[in-house]
Amino acid sequence: MQPFGETVLAWRLARGMTQAELGRAARIPRPNLSAIERGDREVTLKTLRALALALDVRPGVLADGIPPEAGGRPLSRTRLERIARVTVRGGGAINPREAALVGHLRRTLSATIDVPRTGRKARSPAAADRAYFQLRTSESAETVASLVDRVRLEIERR
């Protein structure tokens, strides 16, 4: 179970929505939604229902702090190693789930480790924090730890 604001944020990101989009759908001003996601604002039952409807989840899911499903089936050792290799070296044909994990890993580690970026500016610590949040809400803690360890090993091999 996670705090209410983090649960709303996780579901918003899982749905691919911006704060402005969710705010419009739920009829909540974007600054208020931002405060809710940060945990700086309490919500009424009316607001909880509006958020749940806009996110297409049951209000109890948000109230109970249940994050979106973690990635589905566990990743095999081969897939974990491929994701780590592609994160560090680039290339390789991967499926959409793996591509999303590679992106999250690159953004997460970009604040501390030099990983290949295709001509992009250095990432901010805030972007790295957001990517790590997306990573840990989309996969199990064991998968995230394994991926980070494998990426670090792959970097050492370079």
C-alpha atoms as a PDB file:
ATOM      1  CA  MET A   1       0.000   0.000   0.000  1.00  0.00           C
ATOM      2  CA  GLN A   2       1.275   3.440  -0.884  1.00  0.00           C
ATOM      3  CA  PRO A   3       0.148   6.953   0.087  1.00  0.00           C
ATOM      4  CA  PHE A   4      -2.933   8.285  -1.681  1.00  0.00           C
ATOM      5  CA  GLY A   5      -1.086  10.960  -3.653  1.00  0.00           C
ATOM      6  CA  GLU A   6       1.494   8.467  -4.936  1.00  0.00           C
ATOM      7  CA  THR A   7      -1.322   6.116  -5.915  1.00  0.00           C
ATOM      8  CA  VAL A   8      -3.018   8.846  -7.962  1.00  0.00           C
ATOM      9  CA  LEU A   9       0.323   9.714  -9.575  1.00  0.00           C
ATOM     10  CA  ALA A  10       1.054   6.070 -10.409  1.00  0.00           C
ATOM     11  CA  TRP A  11      -2.351   5.578 -11.996  1.00  0.00           C
ATOM     12  CA  ARG A  12      -2.079   8.855 -13.923  1.00  0.00           C
ATOM     13  CA  LEU A  13       1.299   7.837 -15.329  1.00  0.00           C
ATOM     14  CA  ALA A  14       0.049   4.326 -16.085  1.00  0.00           C
ATOM     15  CA  ARG A  15      -2.801   5.868 -18.072  1.00  0.00           C
ATOM     16  CA  GLY A  16      -0.345   8.149 -19.905  1.00  0.00           C
ATOM     17  CA  MET A  17      -2.079  11.305 -18.725  1.00  0.00           C
ATOM     18  CA  THR A  18      -0.617  14.686 -17.866  1.00  0.00           C
ATOM     19  CA  GLN A  19      -1.787  16.561 -14.786  1.00  0.00           C
ATOM     20  CA  ALA A  20      -3.682  18.957 -17.048  1.00  0.00           C
ATOM     21  CA  GLU A  21      -5.497  16.071 -18.780  1.00  0.00           C
ATOM     22  CA  LEU A  22      -6.436  14.373 -15.516  1.00  0.00           C
ATOM     23  CA  GLY A  23      -7.425  17.705 -14.014  1.00  0.00           C
ATOM     24  CA  ARG A  24      -9.777  18.412 -16.926  1.00  0.00           C
ATOM     25  CA  ALA A  25     -11.248  14.897 -16.850  1.00  0.00           C
ATOM     26  CA  ALA A  26     -11.828  15.054 -13.089  1.00  0.00           C
ATOM     27  CA  ARG A  27     -12.730  18.767 -13.083  1.00  0.00           C
ATOM     28  CA  ILE A  28      -9.977  19.538 -10.595  1.00  0.00           C
ATOM     29  CA  PRO A  29      -7.635  22.509 -11.122  1.00  0.00           C
ATOM     30  CA  ARG A  30      -4.132  21.327 -12.065  1.00  0.00           C
ATOM     31  CA  PRO A  31      -2.466  23.058  -9.067  1.00  0.00           C
ATOM     32  CA  ASN A  32      -4.873  21.227  -6.736  1.00  0.00           C
ATOM     33  CA  LEU A  33      -4.108  17.920  -8.451  1.00  0.00           C
ATOM     34  CA  SER A  34      -0.398  18.609  -8.066  1.00  0.00           C
ATOM     35  CA  ALA A  35      -0.894  19.226  -4.336  1.00  0.00           C
ATOM     36  CA  ILE A  36      -2.881  15.974  -4.054  1.00  0.00           C
ATOM     37  CA  GLU A  37      -0.115  13.992  -5.779  1.00  0.00           C
ATOM     38  CA  ARG A  38       2.512  15.531  -3.478  1.00  0.00           C
ATOM     39  CA  GLY A  39       0.414  14.616  -0.445  1.00  0.00           C
ATOM     40  CA  ASP A  40      -0.058  18.273   0.509  1.00  0.00           C
ATOM     41  CA  ARG A  41      -3.831  18.251   0.120  1.00  0.00           C
ATOM     42  CA  GLU A  42      -6.580  16.049   1.532  1.00  0.00           C
ATOM     43  CA  VAL A  43      -9.423  15.000  -0.736  1.00  0.00           C
ATOM     44  CA  THR A  44     -13.148  14.844  -0.256  1.00  0.00           C
ATOM     45  CA  LEU A  45     -15.245  11.851  -1.232  1.00  0.00           C
ATOM     46  CA  LYS A  46     -16.461  13.860  -4.235  1.00  0.00           C
ATOM     47  CA  THR A  47     -12.862  14.433  -5.382  1.00  0.00           C
ATOM     48  CA  LEU A  48     -11.957  10.784  -4.815  1.00  0.00           C
ATOM     49  CA  ARG A  49     -14.862   9.709  -6.994  1.00  0.00           C
ATOM     50  CA  ALA A  50     -13.974  12.234  -9.706  1.00  0.00           C
ATOM     51  CA  LEU A  51     -10.358  11.050  -9.797  1.00  0.00           C
ATOM     52  CA  ALA A  52     -11.378   7.395  -9.875  1.00  0.00           C
ATOM     53  CA  LEU A  53     -13.822   8.000 -12.719  1.00  0.00           C
ATOM     54  CA  ALA A  54     -11.246   9.964 -14.728  1.00  0.00           C
ATOM     55  CA  LEU A  55      -8.618   7.248 -14.168  1.00  0.00           C
ATOM     56  CA  ASP A  56     -11.114   4.445 -14.862  1.00  0.00           C
ATOM     57  CA  VAL A  57     -10.506   2.684 -11.532  1.00  0.00           C
ATOM     58  CA  ARG A  58     -12.732   1.985  -8.555  1.00  0.00           C
ATOM     59  CA  PRO A  59     -12.542   4.601  -5.779  1.00  0.00           C
ATOM     60  CA  GLY A  60     -11.505   1.866  -3.337  1.00  0.00           C
ATOM     61  CA  VAL A  61      -8.394   1.152  -5.397  1.00  0.00           C
ATOM     62  CA  LEU A  62      -7.207   4.735  -4.921  1.00  0.00           C
ATOM     63  CA  ALA A  63      -8.326   4.907  -1.290  1.00  0.00           C
ATOM     64  CA  ASP A  64      -6.566   1.621  -0.457  1.00  0.00           C
ATOM     65  CA  GLY A  65      -3.323   2.723  -2.148  1.00  0.00           C
ATOM     66  CA  ILE A  66      -3.282  -0.095  -4.700  1.00  0.00           C
ATOM     67  CA  PRO A  67      -0.876   0.738  -7.566  1.00  0.00           C
ATOM     68  CA  PRO A  68      -1.446  -0.316 -11.186  1.00  0.00           C
ATOM     69  CA  GLU A  69      -0.650  -3.965 -11.991  1.00  0.00           C
ATOM     70  CA  ALA A  70       3.079  -4.525 -11.916  1.00  0.00           C
ATOM     71  CA  GLY A  71       4.044  -5.421 -15.460  1.00  0.00           C
ATOM     72  CA  GLY A  72       2.233  -8.732 -15.689  1.00  0.00           C
ATOM     73  CA  ARG A  73       4.270 -11.926 -15.817  1.00  0.00           C
ATOM     74  CA  PRO A  74       7.742 -11.935 -14.236  1.00  0.00           C
ATOM     75  CA  LEU A  75      10.636 -11.311 -16.594  1.00  0.00           C
ATOM     76  CA  SER A  76      12.934 -14.224 -17.387  1.00  0.00           C
ATOM     77  CA  ARG A  77      16.655 -14.055 -16.713  1.00  0.00           C
ATOM     78  CA  THR A  78      17.301 -13.760 -20.452  1.00  0.00           C
ATOM     79  CA  ARG A  79      14.922 -10.811 -20.760  1.00  0.00           C
ATOM     80  CA  LEU A  80      16.404  -9.084 -17.705  1.00  0.00           C
ATOM     81  CA  GLU A  81      19.889  -9.415 -19.196  1.00  0.00           C
ATOM     82  CA  ARG A  82      18.708  -8.190 -22.612  1.00  0.00           C
ATOM     83  CA  ILE A  83      17.065  -5.133 -21.020  1.00  0.00           C
ATOM     84  CA  ALA A  84      20.282  -4.338 -19.125  1.00  0.00           C
ATOM     85  CA  ARG A  85      22.393  -4.783 -22.277  1.00  0.00           C
ATOM     86  CA  VAL A  86      20.116  -2.559 -24.377  1.00  0.00           C
ATOM     87  CA  THR A  87      20.012   0.045 -21.590  1.00  0.00           C
ATOM     88  CA  VAL A  88      23.799   0.360 -21.618  1.00  0.00           C
ATOM     89  CA  ARG A  89      24.794  -0.476 -25.197  1.00  0.00           C
ATOM     90  CA  GLY A  90      21.689   0.352 -27.214  1.00  0.00           C
ATOM     91  CA  GLY A  91      20.300  -1.656 -30.132  1.00  0.00           C
ATOM     92  CA  GLY A  92      18.453  -4.931 -30.022  1.00  0.00           C
ATOM     93  CA  ALA A  93      14.863  -5.687 -30.901  1.00  0.00           C
ATOM     94  CA  ILE A  94      12.704  -5.564 -27.790  1.00  0.00           C
ATOM     95  CA  ASN A  95       8.978  -5.529 -27.069  1.00  0.00           C
ATOM     96  CA  PRO A  96       7.067  -2.438 -25.803  1.00  0.00           C
ATOM     97  CA  ARG A  97       7.273  -3.467 -22.122  1.00  0.00           C
ATOM     98  CA  GLU A  98      11.035  -3.936 -22.372  1.00  0.00           C
ATOM     99  CA  ALA A  99      11.422  -0.661 -24.300  1.00  0.00           C
ATOM    100  CA  ALA A 100       9.558   1.184 -21.529  1.00  0.00           C
ATOM    101  CA  LEU A 101      11.824  -0.403 -18.906  1.00  0.00           C
ATOM    102  CA  VAL A 102      14.934   0.582 -20.880  1.00  0.00           C
ATOM    103  CA  GLY A 103      13.680   4.172 -21.034  1.00  0.00           C
ATOM    104  CA  HIS A 104      12.896   4.281 -17.316  1.00  0.00           C
ATOM    105  CA  LEU A 105      16.281   2.738 -16.455  1.00  0.00           C
ATOM    106  CA  ARG A 106      18.196   5.196 -18.640  1.00  0.00           C
ATOM    107  CA  ARG A 107      16.396   8.184 -17.145  1.00  0.00           C
ATOM    108  CA  THR A 108      16.770   6.811 -13.612  1.00  0.00           C
ATOM    109  CA  LEU A 109      20.475   6.141 -13.916  1.00  0.00           C
ATOM    110  CA  SER A 110      21.315   9.230 -15.968  1.00  0.00           C
ATOM    111  CA  ALA A 111      21.667  11.326 -12.815  1.00  0.00           C
ATOM    112  CA  THR A 112      24.406   9.068 -11.424  1.00  0.00           C
ATOM    113  CA  ILE A 113      25.769   6.871 -14.223  1.00  0.00           C
ATOM    114  CA  ASP A 114      26.714   7.796 -17.774  1.00  0.00           C
ATOM    115  CA  VAL A 115      24.454   5.681 -19.969  1.00  0.00           C
ATOM    116  CA  PRO A 116      24.074   6.219 -23.710  1.00  0.00           C
ATOM    117  CA  ARG A 117      21.592   8.901 -24.679  1.00  0.00           C
ATOM    118  CA  THR A 118      20.934   9.680 -28.271  1.00  0.00           C
ATOM    119  CA  GLY A 119      21.957  13.332 -28.416  1.00  0.00           C
ATOM    120  CA  ARG A 120      19.791  14.416 -25.509  1.00  0.00           C
ATOM    121  CA  LYS A 121      20.718  16.863 -22.797  1.00  0.00           C
ATOM    122  CA  ALA A 122      21.708  15.544 -19.367  1.00  0.00           C
ATOM    123  CA  ARG A 123      18.659  14.638 -17.303  1.00  0.00           C
ATOM    124  CA  SER A 124      17.693  16.532 -14.209  1.00  0.00           C
ATOM    125  CA  PRO A 125      17.537  14.793 -10.834  1.00  0.00           C
ATOM    126  CA  ALA A 126      13.771  15.397 -10.872  1.00  0.00           C
ATOM    127  CA  ALA A 127      13.452  13.519 -14.176  1.00  0.00           C
ATOM    128  CA  ALA A 128      15.534  10.672 -12.754  1.00  0.00           C
ATOM    129  CA  ASP A 129      13.322  10.548  -9.652  1.00  0.00           C
ATOM    130  CA  ARG A 130      10.169  10.452 -11.783  1.00  0.00           C
ATOM    131  CA  ALA A 131      11.606   7.669 -13.961  1.00  0.00           C
ATOM    132  CA  TYR A 132      12.511   5.641 -10.866  1.00  0.00           C
ATOM    133  CA  PHE A 133       8.986   6.136  -9.524  1.00  0.00           C
ATOM    134  CA  GLN A 134       7.569   4.850 -12.826  1.00  0.00           C
ATOM    135  CA  LEU A 135       9.982   1.914 -12.738  1.00  0.00           C
ATOM    136  CA  ARG A 136       9.085   0.870  -9.201  1.00  0.00           C
ATOM    137  CA  THR A 137       5.349   1.240  -9.762  1.00  0.00           C
ATOM    138  CA  SER A 138       5.413  -0.761 -12.987  1.00  0.00           C
ATOM    139  CA  GLU A 139       7.515  -3.719 -11.789  1.00  0.00           C
ATOM    140  CA  SER A 140       8.054  -5.672  -8.585  1.00  0.00           C
ATOM    141  CA  ALA A 141      10.766  -4.585  -6.163  1.00  0.00           C
ATOM    142  CA  GLU A 142      12.731  -7.749  -6.979  1.00  0.00           C
ATOM    143  CA  THR A 143      12.615  -7.019 -10.721  1.00  0.00           C
ATOM    144  CA  VAL A 144      13.732  -3.414 -10.227  1.00  0.00           C
ATOM    145  CA  ALA A 145      16.633  -4.470  -7.981  1.00  0.00           C
ATOM    146  CA  SER A 146      17.682  -7.161 -10.448  1.00  0.00           C
ATOM    147  CA  LEU A 147      17.555  -4.755 -13.388  1.00  0.00           C
ATOM    148  CA  VAL A 148      19.604  -2.096 -11.597  1.00  0.00           C
ATOM    149  CA  ASP A 149      22.206  -4.693 -10.548  1.00  0.00           C
ATOM    150  CA  ARG A 150      22.417  -6.076 -14.089  1.00  0.00           C
ATOM    151  CA  VAL A 151      22.799  -2.597 -15.591  1.00  0.00           C
ATOM    152  CA  ARG A 152      25.623  -1.804 -13.164  1.00  0.00           C
ATOM    153  CA  LEU A 153      27.365  -5.076 -14.104  1.00  0.00           C
ATOM    154  CA  GLU A 154      26.888  -4.298 -17.795  1.00  0.00           C
ATOM    155  CA  ILE A 155      28.450  -0.859 -17.286  1.00  0.00           C
ATOM    156  CA  GLU A 156      31.442  -2.420 -15.518  1.00  0.00           C
ATOM    157  CA  ARG A 157      31.947  -4.787 -18.479  1.00  0.00           C
ATOM    158  CA  ARG A 158      32.149  -1.901 -20.931  1.00  0.00           C
END
